[in-house]
């Protein structure tokens, strides 16, 4: 339990995230991050083979997945 708190605390202070850290920070899997990158919905930075993400880009991407319950049903406000 203490290790989980430490990891979360470490992530809370980061500006740049590896794919593994981005998964832990957003709670999305690596496949979801890869798909978002490929669809150009999530900004990323690449130096040779290393891919990193900026915190504010991850936050903005996660916020696009907001859902609102309406009349007992969950609806995506981005879907038309």
Protein backbone atom coordinates (compact mmCIF):
# COMPACT_ATOMS: atom_id res chain seq x y z
CA UNK A 1 0.00 0.00 0.00
CA UNK A 2 2.78 2.45 0.85
CA UNK A 3 4.47 1.71 -2.49
CA UNK A 4 1.28 2.60 -4.38
CA UNK A 5 1.09 5.96 -2.61
CA UNK A 6 4.73 6.67 -3.42
CA UNK A 7 4.23 5.83 -7.11
CA UNK A 8 1.18 8.08 -7.27
CA UNK A 9 3.09 10.86 -5.54
CA UNK A 10 5.98 10.47 -7.98
CA UNK A 11 3.58 10.68 -10.94
CA UNK A 12 1.87 13.74 -9.50
CA UNK A 13 5.13 15.70 -9.71
CA UNK A 14 6.18 14.65 -13.22
CA UNK A 15 6.02 16.83 -16.33
CA UNK A 16 7.10 14.12 -18.80
CA UNK A 17 5.82 10.52 -18.87
CA UNK A 18 7.06 7.33 -20.48
CA UNK A 19 4.35 5.11 -21.95
CA UNK A 20 4.38 2.98 -18.80
CA UNK A 21 4.02 6.03 -16.54
CA UNK A 22 1.34 7.52 -18.82
CA UNK A 23 -0.67 4.31 -18.47
CA UNK A 24 -0.40 4.47 -14.68
CA UNK A 25 -1.25 8.19 -14.62
CA UNK A 26 -4.29 7.99 -16.93
CA UNK A 27 -5.38 4.41 -16.06
CA UNK A 28 -5.65 3.71 -19.80
CA UNK A 29 -3.74 0.80 -21.31
CA UNK A 30 -0.82 1.03 -23.71
CA UNK A 31 -3.08 -0.02 -26.60
CA UNK A 32 -5.41 2.93 -25.94
CA UNK A 33 -2.46 5.34 -25.86
CA UNK A 34 -1.05 3.86 -29.08
CA UNK A 35 -4.41 4.12 -30.83
CA UNK A 36 -4.83 7.74 -29.71
CA UNK A 37 -1.34 8.55 -31.01
CA UNK A 38 -1.98 6.87 -34.34
CA UNK A 39 -5.32 8.68 -34.73
CA UNK A 40 -3.56 11.97 -33.83
CA UNK A 41 -5.81 12.50 -30.80
CA UNK A 42 -2.91 12.50 -28.32
CA UNK A 43 0.25 14.53 -28.77
CA UNK A 44 3.54 12.79 -28.09
CA UNK A 45 7.23 13.44 -28.49
CA UNK A 46 9.77 11.06 -29.98
CA UNK A 47 13.54 10.88 -29.78
CA UNK A 48 14.67 7.93 -31.88
CA UNK A 49 12.58 5.04 -30.49
CA UNK A 50 11.64 6.60 -27.14
CA UNK A 51 8.12 8.03 -26.90
CA UNK A 52 7.20 10.45 -24.12
CA UNK A 53 4.07 12.40 -23.25
CA UNK A 54 3.59 15.79 -21.61
CA UNK A 55 1.29 15.95 -18.57
CA UNK A 56 -1.00 18.64 -20.00
CA UNK A 57 -1.45 16.65 -23.23
CA UNK A 58 -2.45 13.56 -21.23
CA UNK A 59 -4.85 15.60 -19.08
CA UNK A 60 -6.49 17.16 -22.16
CA UNK A 61 -6.85 13.75 -23.84
CA UNK A 62 -8.39 12.14 -20.74
CA UNK A 63 -10.89 15.00 -20.45
CA UNK A 64 -12.20 14.17 -23.95
CA UNK A 65 -13.50 10.90 -22.46
CA UNK A 66 -15.96 12.60 -20.10
CA UNK A 67 -19.40 10.98 -19.79
CA UNK A 68 -22.53 12.35 -18.11
CA UNK A 69 -25.37 10.29 -16.66
CA UNK A 70 -28.73 11.44 -18.06
CA UNK A 71 -31.97 9.79 -16.93
CA UNK A 72 -30.06 6.87 -15.47
CA UNK A 73 -28.06 6.33 -18.69
CA UNK A 74 -24.50 7.37 -19.35
CA UNK A 75 -24.07 9.49 -22.45
CA UNK A 76 -20.97 10.78 -24.17
CA UNK A 77 -21.26 14.57 -24.65
CA UNK A 78 -18.79 14.38 -27.58
CA UNK A 79 -20.94 11.97 -29.58
CA UNK A 80 -23.43 13.50 -31.95
